[in-house]
Amino acid sequence: SWVEKVAIVAFMVLFMECFAWAAHKYVMHGWGWGWHKS
């Protein structure tokens, strides 16, 4: 249903903010600093 589709999209946007926070803090400012330093 369209409700399920919208719910999945909305959930993924929220999930991605959590993922982006963790990736930024622990990867980009951690072992992945070589790329992020720029």
Full PDB file with SEQRES, HELIX, SHEET, SSBOND, CRYST1, ORIGX, SCALE, CONECT and MASTER records, all heavy atoms in Angstrom:
SEQRES   1 A   38  SER TRP VAL GLU LYS VAL ALA ILE VAL ALA PHE MET VAL          
SEQRES   2 A   38  LEU PHE MET GLU CYS PHE ALA TRP ALA ALA HIS LYS TYR          
SEQRES   3 A   38  VAL MET HIS GLY TRP GLY TRP GLY TRP HIS LYS SER              
HELIX    1 AA1 TRP A    2  ALA A   22  1                                  21    
HELIX    2 AA2 ALA A   23  TRP A   31  3                                   9    
HELIX    3 AA3 TRP A   33  HIS A   36  1                                   4    
CRYST1    1.000    1.000    1.000  90.00  90.00  90.00 P 1           1          
ORIGX1      1.000000  0.000000  0.000000        0.00000                         
ORIGX2      0.000000  1.000000  0.000000        0.00000                         
ORIGX3      0.000000  0.000000  1.000000        0.00000                         
SCALE1      1.000000  0.000000  0.000000        0.00000                         
SCALE2      0.000000  1.000000  0.000000        0.00000                         
SCALE3      0.000000  0.000000  1.000000        0.00000                         
ATOM      1  N   SER A   1       0.842  -1.190   0.000  1.00  0.00           N  
ATOM      2  CA  SER A   1       0.000   0.000   0.000  1.00  0.00           C  
ATOM      3  C   SER A   1       0.882   1.247   0.000  1.00  0.00           C  
ATOM      4  O   SER A   1       2.056   1.195   0.365  1.00  0.00           O  
ATOM      5  CB  SER A   1      -0.914   0.007   1.231  1.00  0.00           C  
ATOM      6  OG  SER A   1      -0.156   0.297   2.400  1.00  0.00           O  
ATOM      7  N   TRP A   2       0.293   2.393  -0.360  1.00  0.00           N  
ATOM      8  CA  TRP A   2       1.073   3.631  -0.370  1.00  0.00           C  
ATOM      9  C   TRP A   2       1.506   4.015   1.035  1.00  0.00           C  
ATOM     10  O   TRP A   2       2.561   4.616   1.229  1.00  0.00           O  
ATOM     11  CB  TRP A   2       0.303   4.750  -1.065  1.00  0.00           C  
ATOM     12  CG  TRP A   2      -0.922   5.221  -0.311  1.00  0.00           C  
ATOM     13  CD1 TRP A   2      -2.187   4.738  -0.410  1.00  0.00           C  
ATOM     14  CD2 TRP A   2      -0.955   6.250   0.686  1.00  0.00           C  
ATOM     15  NE1 TRP A   2      -3.014   5.397   0.459  1.00  0.00           N  
ATOM     16  CE2 TRP A   2      -2.283   6.342   1.146  1.00  0.00           C  
ATOM     17  CE3 TRP A   2      -0.017   7.107   1.229  1.00  0.00           C  
ATOM     18  CZ2 TRP A   2      -2.673   7.242   2.123  1.00  0.00           C  
ATOM     19  CZ3 TRP A   2      -0.415   8.006   2.210  1.00  0.00           C  
ATOM     20  CH2 TRP A   2      -1.726   8.068   2.638  1.00  0.00           C  
ATOM     21  N   VAL A   3       0.727   3.645   2.051  1.00  0.00           N  
ATOM     22  CA  VAL A   3       1.095   3.933   3.442  1.00  0.00           C  
ATOM     23  C   VAL A   3       2.373   3.170   3.812  1.00  0.00           C  
ATOM     24  O   VAL A   3       3.277   3.724   4.446  1.00  0.00           O  
ATOM     25  CB  VAL A   3      -0.066   3.578   4.413  1.00  0.00           C  
ATOM     26  CG1 VAL A   3       0.368   3.713   5.865  1.00  0.00           C  
ATOM     27  CG2 VAL A   3      -1.278   4.442   4.134  1.00  0.00           C  
ATOM     28  N   GLU A   4       2.446   1.911   3.427  1.00  0.00           N  
ATOM     29  CA  GLU A   4       3.651   1.120   3.685  1.00  0.00           C  
ATOM     30  C   GLU A   4       4.861   1.703   2.966  1.00  0.00           C  
ATOM     31  O   GLU A   4       5.953   1.790   3.539  1.00  0.00           O  
ATOM     32  CB  GLU A   4       3.438  -0.329   3.241  1.00  0.00           C  
ATOM     33  CG  GLU A   4       2.434  -1.086   4.082  1.00  0.00           C  
ATOM     34  CD  GLU A   4       2.066  -2.430   3.473  1.00  0.00           C  
ATOM     35  OE1 GLU A   4       1.835  -2.502   2.233  1.00  0.00           O  
ATOM     36  OE2 GLU A   4       2.009  -3.411   4.248  1.00  0.00           O  
ATOM     37  N   LYS A   5       4.668   2.132   1.735  1.00  0.00           N  
ATOM     38  CA  LYS A   5       5.764   2.717   0.954  1.00  0.00           C  
ATOM     39  C   LYS A   5       6.270   4.003   1.600  1.00  0.00           C  
ATOM     40  O   LYS A   5       7.483   4.189   1.758  1.00  0.00           O  
ATOM     41  CB  LYS A   5       5.304   2.982  -0.479  1.00  0.00           C  
ATOM     42  CG  LYS A   5       4.985   1.721  -1.251  1.00  0.00           C  
ATOM     43  CD  LYS A   5       4.343   2.052  -2.584  1.00  0.00           C  
ATOM     44  CE  LYS A   5       3.879   0.791  -3.295  1.00  0.00           C  
ATOM     45  NZ  LYS A   5       3.165   1.076  -4.547  1.00  0.00           N  
ATOM     46  N   VAL A   6       5.342   4.882   1.984  1.00  0.00           N  
ATOM     47  CA  VAL A   6       5.730   6.145   2.629  1.00  0.00           C  
ATOM     48  C   VAL A   6       6.408   5.858   3.970  1.00  0.00           C  
ATOM     49  O   VAL A   6       7.397   6.512   4.320  1.00  0.00           O  
ATOM     50  CB  VAL A   6       4.503   7.073   2.800  1.00  0.00           C  
ATOM     51  CG1 VAL A   6       4.825   8.262   3.693  1.00  0.00           C  
ATOM     52  CG2 VAL A   6       3.996   7.546   1.444  1.00  0.00           C  
ATOM     53  N   ALA A   7       5.904   4.890   4.712  1.00  0.00           N  
ATOM     54  CA  ALA A   7       6.499   4.536   6.005  1.00  0.00           C  
ATOM     55  C   ALA A   7       7.932   4.038   5.824  1.00  0.00           C  
ATOM     56  O   ALA A   7       8.834   4.414   6.598  1.00  0.00           O  
ATOM     57  CB  ALA A   7       5.656   3.483   6.717  1.00  0.00           C  
ATOM     58  N   ILE A   8       8.171   3.226   4.817  1.00  0.00           N  
ATOM     59  CA  ILE A   8       9.524   2.724   4.553  1.00  0.00           C  
ATOM     60  C   ILE A   8      10.452   3.878   4.195  1.00  0.00           C  
ATOM     61  O   ILE A   8      11.570   3.978   4.712  1.00  0.00           O  
ATOM     62  CB  ILE A   8       9.515   1.646   3.446  1.00  0.00           C  
ATOM     63  CG1 ILE A   8       8.861   0.365   3.956  1.00  0.00           C  
ATOM     64  CG2 ILE A   8      10.937   1.345   2.958  1.00  0.00           C  
ATOM     65  CD1 ILE A   8       8.623  -0.694   2.886  1.00  0.00           C  
ATOM     66  N   VAL A   9      10.002   4.754   3.321  1.00  0.00           N  
ATOM     67  CA  VAL A   9      10.830   5.901   2.914  1.00  0.00           C  
ATOM     68  C   VAL A   9      11.144   6.778   4.125  1.00  0.00           C  
ATOM     69  O   VAL A   9      12.303   7.152   4.362  1.00  0.00           O  
ATOM     70  CB  VAL A   9      10.153   6.712   1.783  1.00  0.00           C  
ATOM     71  CG1 VAL A   9      10.889   8.014   1.532  1.00  0.00           C  
ATOM     72  CG2 VAL A   9      10.064   5.886   0.508  1.00  0.00           C  
ATOM     73  N   ALA A  10      10.132   7.111   4.927  1.00  0.00           N  
ATOM     74  CA  ALA A  10      10.332   7.964   6.116  1.00  0.00           C  
ATOM     75  C   ALA A  10      11.276   7.292   7.115  1.00  0.00           C  
ATOM     76  O   ALA A  10      12.181   7.935   7.666  1.00  0.00           O  
ATOM     77  CB  ALA A  10       9.000   8.283   6.770  1.00  0.00           C  
ATOM     78  N   PHE A  11      11.076   5.990   7.348  1.00  0.00           N  
ATOM     79  CA  PHE A  11      11.955   5.262   8.258  1.00  0.00           C  
ATOM     80  C   PHE A  11      13.394   5.307   7.774  1.00  0.00           C  
ATOM     81  O   PHE A  11      14.318   5.509   8.564  1.00  0.00           O  
ATOM     82  CB  PHE A  11      11.497   3.804   8.414  1.00  0.00           C  
ATOM     83  CG  PHE A  11      12.474   2.984   9.206  1.00  0.00           C  
ATOM     84  CD1 PHE A  11      12.475   3.042  10.595  1.00  0.00           C  
ATOM     85  CD2 PHE A  11      13.408   2.183   8.567  1.00  0.00           C  
ATOM     86  CE1 PHE A  11      13.398   2.305  11.337  1.00  0.00           C  
ATOM     87  CE2 PHE A  11      14.330   1.444   9.300  1.00  0.00           C  
ATOM     88  CZ  PHE A  11      14.324   1.511  10.683  1.00  0.00           C  
ATOM     89  N   MET A  12      13.596   5.120   6.478  1.00  0.00           N  
ATOM     90  CA  MET A  12      14.955   5.110   5.942  1.00  0.00           C  
ATOM     91  C   MET A  12      15.620   6.481   6.051  1.00  0.00           C  
ATOM     92  O   MET A  12      16.831   6.567   6.290  1.00  0.00           O  
ATOM     93  CB  MET A  12      14.967   4.603   4.494  1.00  0.00           C  
ATOM     94  CG  MET A  12      14.685   3.116   4.363  1.00  0.00           C  
ATOM     95  SD  MET A  12      15.703   2.047   5.425  1.00  0.00           S  
ATOM     96  CE  MET A  12      17.329   2.331   4.745  1.00  0.00           C  
ATOM     97  N   VAL A  13      14.851   7.550   5.883  1.00  0.00           N  
ATOM     98  CA  VAL A  13      15.427   8.890   6.060  1.00  0.00           C  
ATOM     99  C   VAL A  13      15.911   9.046   7.501  1.00  0.00           C  
ATOM    100  O   VAL A  13      17.036   9.507   7.743  1.00  0.00           O  
ATOM    101  CB  VAL A  13      14.419   9.996   5.673  1.00  0.00           C  
ATOM    102  CG1 VAL A  13      14.912  11.366   6.103  1.00  0.00           C  
ATOM    103  CG2 VAL A  13      14.147   9.976   4.172  1.00  0.00           C  
ATOM    104  N   LEU A  14      15.096   8.635   8.473  1.00  0.00           N  
ATOM    105  CA  LEU A  14      15.499   8.710   9.876  1.00  0.00           C  
ATOM    106  C   LEU A  14      16.678   7.777  10.171  1.00  0.00           C  
ATOM    107  O   LEU A  14      17.625   8.151  10.873  1.00  0.00           O  
ATOM    108  CB  LEU A  14      14.320   8.371  10.789  1.00  0.00           C  
ATOM    109  CG  LEU A  14      13.173   9.375  10.767  1.00  0.00           C  
ATOM    110  CD1 LEU A  14      11.990   8.855  11.580  1.00  0.00           C  
ATOM    111  CD2 LEU A  14      13.620  10.736  11.272  1.00  0.00           C  
ATOM    112  N   PHE A  15      16.609   6.576   9.625  1.00  0.00           N  
ATOM    113  CA  PHE A  15      17.714   5.626   9.795  1.00  0.00           C  
ATOM    114  C   PHE A  15      19.012   6.199   9.246  1.00  0.00           C  
ATOM    115  O   PHE A  15      20.075   6.079   9.861  1.00  0.00           O  
ATOM    116  CB  PHE A  15      17.387   4.291   9.113  1.00  0.00           C  
ATOM    117  CG  PHE A  15      18.574   3.368   9.042  1.00  0.00           C  
ATOM    118  CD1 PHE A  15      18.933   2.603  10.146  1.00  0.00           C  
ATOM    119  CD2 PHE A  15      19.355   3.296   7.891  1.00  0.00           C  
ATOM    120  CE1 PHE A  15      20.044   1.769  10.096  1.00  0.00           C  
ATOM    121  CE2 PHE A  15      20.467   2.465   7.841  1.00  0.00           C  
ATOM    122  CZ  PHE A  15      20.808   1.696   8.945  1.00  0.00           C  
ATOM    123  N   MET A  16      18.928   6.840   8.084  1.00  0.00           N  
ATOM    124  CA  MET A  16      20.130   7.385   7.460  1.00  0.00           C  
ATOM    125  C   MET A  16      20.748   8.514   8.277  1.00  0.00           C  
ATOM    126  O   MET A  16      21.966   8.679   8.279  1.00  0.00           O  
ATOM    127  CB  MET A  16      19.838   7.857   6.032  1.00  0.00           C  
ATOM    128  CG  MET A  16      19.679   6.710   5.047  1.00  0.00           C  
ATOM    129  SD  MET A  16      21.075   5.549   5.039  1.00  0.00           S  
ATOM    130  CE  MET A  16      22.402   6.641   4.534  1.00  0.00           C  
ATOM    131  N   GLU A  17      19.929   9.295   8.975  1.00  0.00           N  
ATOM    132  CA  GLU A  17      20.504  10.325   9.847  1.00  0.00           C  
ATOM    133  C   GLU A  17      21.303   9.664  10.972  1.00  0.00           C  
ATOM    134  O   GLU A  17      22.398  10.116  11.303  1.00  0.00           O  
ATOM    135  CB  GLU A  17      19.415  11.240  10.416  1.00  0.00           C  
ATOM    136  CG  GLU A  17      19.926  12.263  11.400  1.00  0.00           C  
ATOM    137  CD  GLU A  17      20.884  13.311  10.849  1.00  0.00           C  
ATOM    138  OE1 GLU A  17      21.203  13.309   9.636  1.00  0.00           O  
ATOM    139  OE2 GLU A  17      21.338  14.158  11.639  1.00  0.00           O  
ATOM    140  N   CYS A  18      20.787   8.577  11.517  1.00  0.00           N  
ATOM    141  CA  CYS A  18      21.522   7.841  12.559  1.00  0.00           C  
ATOM    142  C   CYS A  18      22.789   7.222  11.977  1.00  0.00           C  
ATOM    143  O   CYS A  18      23.868   7.293  12.584  1.00  0.00           O  
ATOM    144  CB  CYS A  18      20.638   6.760  13.175  1.00  0.00           C  
ATOM    145  SG  CYS A  18      19.189   7.407  14.020  1.00  0.00           S  
ATOM    146  N   PHE A  19      22.659   6.612  10.810  1.00  0.00           N  
ATOM    147  CA  PHE A  19      23.827   6.010  10.143  1.00  0.00           C  
ATOM    148  C   PHE A  19      24.866   7.074   9.819  1.00  0.00           C  
ATOM    149  O   PHE A  19      26.066   6.879  10.042  1.00  0.00           O  
ATOM    150  CB  PHE A  19      23.388   5.285   8.858  1.00  0.00           C  
ATOM    151  CG  PHE A  19      24.553   4.793   8.051  1.00  0.00           C  
ATOM    152  CD1 PHE A  19      25.159   3.588   8.352  1.00  0.00           C  
ATOM    153  CD2 PHE A  19      25.044   5.548   6.988  1.00  0.00           C  
ATOM    154  CE1 PHE A  19      26.255   3.141   7.622  1.00  0.00           C  
ATOM    155  CE2 PHE A  19      26.134   5.113   6.252  1.00  0.00           C  
ATOM    156  CZ  PHE A  19      26.743   3.906   6.568  1.00  0.00           C  
ATOM    157  N   ALA A  20      24.425   8.224   9.290  1.00  0.00           N  
ATOM    158  CA  ALA A  20      25.348   9.299   8.916  1.00  0.00           C  
ATOM    159  C   ALA A  20      26.085   9.826  10.148  1.00  0.00           C  
ATOM    160  O   ALA A  20      27.293  10.095  10.095  1.00  0.00           O  
ATOM    161  CB  ALA A  20      24.601  10.428   8.213  1.00  0.00           C  
ATOM    162  N   TRP A  21      25.364   9.968  11.270  1.00  0.00           N  
ATOM    163  CA  TRP A  21      26.004  10.421  12.504  1.00  0.00           C  
ATOM    164  C   TRP A  21      27.113   9.452  12.911  1.00  0.00           C  
ATOM    165  O   TRP A  21      28.241   9.859  13.198  1.00  0.00           O  
ATOM    166  CB  TRP A  21      24.962  10.542  13.625  1.00  0.00           C  
ATOM    167  CG  TRP A  21      25.574  10.912  14.943  1.00  0.00           C  
ATOM    168  CD1 TRP A  21      25.822  12.161  15.408  1.00  0.00           C  
ATOM    169  CD2 TRP A  21      26.041  10.000  15.954  1.00  0.00           C  
ATOM    170  NE1 TRP A  21      26.402  12.098  16.656  1.00  0.00           N  
ATOM    171  CE2 TRP A  21      26.561  10.780  17.001  1.00  0.00           C  
ATOM    172  CE3 TRP A  21      26.075   8.612  16.066  1.00  0.00           C  
ATOM    173  CZ2 TRP A  21      27.099  10.210  18.152  1.00  0.00           C  
ATOM    174  CZ3 TRP A  21      26.614   8.061  17.211  1.00  0.00           C  
ATOM    175  CH2 TRP A  21      27.115   8.843  18.234  1.00  0.00           C  
ATOM    176  N   ALA A  22      26.797   8.159  12.927  1.00  0.00           N  
ATOM    177  CA  ALA A  22      27.782   7.159  13.344  1.00  0.00           C  
ATOM    178  C   ALA A  22      28.951   7.088  12.358  1.00  0.00           C  
ATOM    179  O   ALA A  22      30.118   7.015  12.776  1.00  0.00           O  
ATOM    180  CB  ALA A  22      27.107   5.792  13.478  1.00  0.00           C  
ATOM    181  N   ALA A  23      28.651   7.105  11.065  1.00  0.00           N  
ATOM    182  CA  ALA A  23      29.725   7.058  10.062  1.00  0.00           C  
ATOM    183  C   ALA A  23      30.612   8.294  10.165  1.00  0.00           C  
ATOM    184  O   ALA A  23      31.841   8.203  10.057  1.00  0.00           O  
ATOM    185  CB  ALA A  23      29.130   6.945   8.660  1.00  0.00           C  
ATOM    186  N   HIS A  24      30.011   9.454  10.380  1.00  0.00           N  
ATOM    187  CA  HIS A  24      30.779  10.691  10.487  1.00  0.00           C  
ATOM    188  C   HIS A  24      31.665  10.672  11.734  1.00  0.00           C  
ATOM    189  O   HIS A  24      32.849  11.010  11.667  1.00  0.00           O  
ATOM    190  CB  HIS A  24      29.818  11.881  10.506  1.00  0.00           C  
ATOM    191  CG  HIS A  24      30.496  13.209  10.387  1.00  0.00           C  
ATOM    192  ND1 HIS A  24      29.845  14.383  10.679  1.00  0.00           N  
ATOM    193  CD2 HIS A  24      31.746  13.577  10.031  1.00  0.00           C  
ATOM    194  CE1 HIS A  24      30.667  15.394  10.503  1.00  0.00           C  
ATOM    195  NE2 HIS A  24      31.832  14.928  10.112  1.00  0.00           N  
ATOM    196  N   LYS A  25      31.088  10.272  12.856  1.00  0.00           N  
ATOM    197  CA  LYS A  25      31.840  10.288  14.120  1.00  0.00           C  
ATOM    198  C   LYS A  25      32.910   9.197  14.190  1.00  0.00           C  
ATOM    199  O   LYS A  25      34.045   9.465  14.576  1.00  0.00           O  
ATOM    200  CB  LYS A  25      30.874  10.148  15.302  1.00  0.00           C  
ATOM    201  CG  LYS A  25      31.557  10.225  16.662  1.00  0.00           C  
ATOM    202  CD  LYS A  25      30.546  10.303  17.777  1.00  0.00           C  
ATOM    203  CE  LYS A  25      31.183  10.282  19.141  1.00  0.00           C  
ATOM    204  NZ  LYS A  25      31.855  11.514  19.495  1.00  0.00           N  
ATOM    205  N   TYR A  26      32.552   7.968  13.808  1.00  0.00           N  
ATOM    206  CA  TYR A  26      33.439   6.842  14.043  1.00  0.00           C  
ATOM    207  C   TYR A  26      34.259   6.402  12.827  1.00  0.00           C  
ATOM    208  O   TYR A  26      35.310   5.785  13.001  1.00  0.00           O  
ATOM    209  CB  TYR A  26      32.650   5.650  14.592  1.00  0.00           C  
ATOM    210  CG  TYR A  26      32.037   5.977  15.923  1.00  0.00           C  
ATOM    211  CD1 TYR A  26      30.662   6.132  16.062  1.00  0.00           C  
ATOM    212  CD2 TYR A  26      32.830   6.175  17.048  1.00  0.00           C  
ATOM    213  CE1 TYR A  26      30.096   6.451  17.288  1.00  0.00           C  
ATOM    214  CE2 TYR A  26      32.272   6.498  18.274  1.00  0.00           C  
ATOM    215  CZ  TYR A  26      30.910   6.639  18.389  1.00  0.00           C  
ATOM    216  OH  TYR A  26      30.354   6.964  19.602  1.00  0.00           O  
ATOM    217  N   VAL A  27      33.800   6.698  11.633  1.00  0.00           N  
ATOM    218  CA  VAL A  27      34.578   6.348  10.444  1.00  0.00           C  
ATOM    219  C   VAL A  27      35.333   7.577   9.939  1.00  0.00           C  
ATOM    220  O   VAL A  27      36.557   7.592   9.891  1.00  0.00           O  
ATOM    221  CB  VAL A  27      33.679   5.750   9.329  1.00  0.00           C  
ATOM    222  CG1 VAL A  27      34.494   5.499   8.065  1.00  0.00           C  
ATOM    223  CG2 VAL A  27      33.022   4.465   9.807  1.00  0.00           C  
ATOM    224  N   MET A  28      34.598   8.629   9.592  1.00  0.00           N  
ATOM    225  CA  MET A  28      35.240   9.798   9.000  1.00  0.00           C  
ATOM    226  C   MET A  28      36.182  10.500   9.978  1.00  0.00           C  
ATOM    227  O   MET A  28      37.210  11.036   9.572  1.00  0.00           O  
ATOM    228  CB  MET A  28      34.181  10.773   8.487  1.00  0.00           C  
ATOM    229  CG  MET A  28      33.378  10.211   7.340  1.00  0.00           C  
ATOM    230  SD  MET A  28      32.078  11.362   6.861  1.00  0.00           S  
ATOM    231  CE  MET A  28      31.156  10.352   5.731  1.00  0.00           C  
ATOM    232  N   HIS A  29      35.827  10.519  11.255  1.00  0.00           N  
ATOM    233  CA  HIS A  29      36.709  11.103  12.262  1.00  0.00           C  
ATOM    234  C   HIS A  29      37.478  10.017  12.994  1.00  0.00           C  
ATOM    235  O   HIS A  29      38.039  10.260  14.068  1.00  0.00           O  
ATOM    236  CB  HIS A  29      35.916  11.979  13.243  1.00  0.00           C  
ATOM    237  CG  HIS A  29      35.593  13.306  12.677  1.00  0.00           C  
ATOM    238  ND1 HIS A  29      36.329  14.429  12.938  1.00  0.00           N  
ATOM    239  CD2 HIS A  29      34.619  13.682  11.798  1.00  0.00           C  
ATOM    240  CE1 HIS A  29      35.817  15.463  12.273  1.00  0.00           C  
ATOM    241  NE2 HIS A  29      34.779  15.026  11.579  1.00  0.00           N  
ATOM    242  N   GLY A  30      37.522   8.834  12.421  1.00  0.00           N  
ATOM    243  CA  GLY A  30      38.277   7.702  12.960  1.00  0.00           C  
ATOM    244  C   GLY A  30      39.217   7.187  11.887  1.00  0.00           C  
ATOM    245  O   GLY A  30      39.990   7.941  11.301  1.00  0.00           O  
ATOM    246  N   TRP A  31      39.078   5.891  11.584  1.00  0.00           N  
ATOM    247  CA  TRP A  31      39.999   5.262  10.639  1.00  0.00           C  
ATOM    248  C   TRP A  31      39.867   5.794   9.209  1.00  0.00           C  
ATOM    249  O   TRP A  31      40.783   5.638   8.407  1.00  0.00           O  
ATOM    250  CB  TRP A  31      39.848   3.743  10.671  1.00  0.00           C  
ATOM    251  CG  TRP A  31      38.460   3.231  10.370  1.00  0.00           C  
ATOM    252  CD1 TRP A  31      37.484   2.943  11.271  1.00  0.00           C  
ATOM    253  CD2 TRP A  31      37.901   2.952   9.084  1.00  0.00           C  
ATOM    254  NE1 TRP A  31      36.350   2.510  10.624  1.00  0.00           N  
ATOM    255  CE2 TRP A  31      36.580   2.486   9.276  1.00  0.00           C  
ATOM    256  CE3 TRP A  31      38.391   3.037   7.789  1.00  0.00           C  
ATOM    257  CZ2 TRP A  31      35.744   2.136   8.229  1.00  0.00           C  
ATOM    258  CZ3 TRP A  31      37.558   2.673   6.733  1.00  0.00           C  
ATOM    259  CH2 TRP A  31      36.254   2.227   6.967  1.00  0.00           C  
ATOM    260  N   GLY A  32      38.764   6.471   8.866  1.00  0.00           N  
ATOM    261  CA  GLY A  32      38.579   7.021   7.522  1.00  0.00           C  
ATOM    262  C   GLY A  32      38.972   8.482   7.388  1.00  0.00           C  
ATOM    263  O   GLY A  32      38.598   9.155   6.421  1.00  0.00           O  
ATOM    264  N   TRP A  33      39.715   9.004   8.360  1.00  0.00           N  
ATOM    265  CA  TRP A  33      40.111  10.414   8.369  1.00  0.00           C  
ATOM    266  C   TRP A  33      40.911  10.793   7.118  1.00  0.00           C  
ATOM    267  O   TRP A  33      40.870  11.935   6.665  1.00  0.00           O  
ATOM    268  CB  TRP A  33      40.909  10.717   9.630  1.00  0.00           C  
ATOM    269  CG  TRP A  33      41.397  12.132   9.734  1.00  0.00           C  
ATOM    270  CD1 TRP A  33      42.692  12.550   9.674  1.00  0.00           C  
ATOM    271  CD2 TRP A  33      40.615  13.309   9.926  1.00  0.00           C  
ATOM    272  NE1 TRP A  33      42.758  13.919   9.822  1.00  0.00           N  
ATOM    273  CE2 TRP A  33      41.486  14.406   9.984  1.00  0.00           C  
ATOM    274  CE3 TRP A  33      39.243  13.544  10.062  1.00  0.00           C  
ATOM    275  CZ2 TRP A  33      41.059  15.713  10.158  1.00  0.00           C  
ATOM    276  CZ3 TRP A  33      38.806  14.854  10.231  1.00  0.00           C  
ATOM    277  CH2 TRP A  33      39.710  15.917  10.283  1.00  0.00           C  
ATOM    278  N   GLY A  34      41.615   9.854   6.527  1.00  0.00           N  
ATOM    279  CA  GLY A  34      42.428  10.141   5.346  1.00  0.00           C  
ATOM    280  C   GLY A  34      41.630  10.801   4.227  1.00  0.00           C  
ATOM    281  O   GLY A  34      42.123  11.719   3.563  1.00  0.00           O  
ATOM    282  N   TRP A  35      40.406  10.368   4.015  1.00  0.00           N  
ATOM    283  CA  TRP A  35      39.544  10.999   3.001  1.00  0.00           C  
ATOM    284  C   TRP A  35      38.868  12.234   3.567  1.00  0.00           C  
ATOM    285  O   TRP A  35      38.766  13.260   2.915  1.00  0.00           O  
ATOM    286  CB  TRP A  35      38.459  10.036   2.531  1.00  0.00           C  
ATOM    287  CG  TRP A  35      38.911   8.948   1.613  1.00  0.00           C  
ATOM    288  CD1 TRP A  35      40.184   8.685   1.187  1.00  0.00           C  
ATOM    289  CD2 TRP A  35      38.067   7.964   1.022  1.00  0.00           C  
ATOM    290  NE1 TRP A  35      40.177   7.594   0.370  1.00  0.00           N  
ATOM    291  CE2 TRP A  35      38.903   7.133   0.245  1.00  0.00           C  
ATOM    292  CE3 TRP A  35      36.713   7.697   1.081  1.00  0.00           C  
ATOM    293  CZ2 TRP A  35      38.394   6.057  -0.482  1.00  0.00           C  
ATOM    294  CZ3 TRP A  35      36.209   6.626   0.363  1.00  0.00           C  
ATOM    295  CH2 TRP A  35      37.051   5.820  -0.417  1.00  0.00           C  
ATOM    296  N   HIS A  36      38.364  12.140   4.791  1.00  0.00           N  
ATOM    297  CA  HIS A  36      37.545  13.218   5.356  1.00  0.00           C  
ATOM    298  C   HIS A  36      38.370  14.458   5.703  1.00  0.00           C  
ATOM    299  O   HIS A  36      37.847  15.577   5.716  1.00  0.00           O  
ATOM    300  CB  HIS A  36      36.803  12.714   6.595  1.00  0.00           C  
ATOM    301  CG  HIS A  36      35.765  13.645   7.117  1.00  0.00           C  
ATOM    302  ND1 HIS A  36      34.671  14.043   6.374  1.00  0.00           N  
ATOM    303  CD2 HIS A  36      35.651  14.280   8.320  1.00  0.00           C  
ATOM    304  CE1 HIS A  36      33.923  14.868   7.084  1.00  0.00           C  
ATOM    305  NE2 HIS A  36      34.503  15.035   8.272  1.00  0.00           N  
ATOM    306  N   LYS A  37      39.649  14.281   5.955  1.00  0.00           N  
ATOM    307  CA  LYS A  37      40.531  15.397   6.314  1.00  0.00           C  
ATOM    308  C   LYS A  37      40.417  16.530   5.298  1.00  0.00           C  
ATOM    309  O   LYS A  37      40.433  17.701   5.662  1.00  0.00           O  
ATOM    310  CB  LYS A  37      41.969  14.894   6.411  1.00  0.00           C  
ATOM    311  CG  LYS A  37      42.969  15.943   6.799  1.00  0.00           C  
ATOM    312  CD  LYS A  37      44.362  15.334   6.878  1.00  0.00           C  
ATOM    313  CE  LYS A  37      45.370  16.397   7.246  1.00  0.00           C  
ATOM    314  NZ  LYS A  37      46.727  15.852   7.259  1.00  0.00           N  
ATOM    315  N   SER A  38      40.277  16.192   4.029  1.00  0.00           N  
ATOM    316  CA  SER A  38      40.187  17.209   2.970  1.00  0.00           C  
ATOM    317  C   SER A  38      38.996  18.136   3.181  1.00  0.00           C  
ATOM    318  O   SER A  38      39.021  19.290   2.756  1.00  0.00           O  
ATOM    319  CB  SER A  38      40.089  16.541   1.595  1.00  0.00           C  
ATOM    320  OG  SER A  38      38.842  15.866   1.463  1.00  0.00           O  
TER     321      SER A  38                                                      
MASTER        0    0    0    3    0    0    0    6  320    1    0    3          
END                                                                             
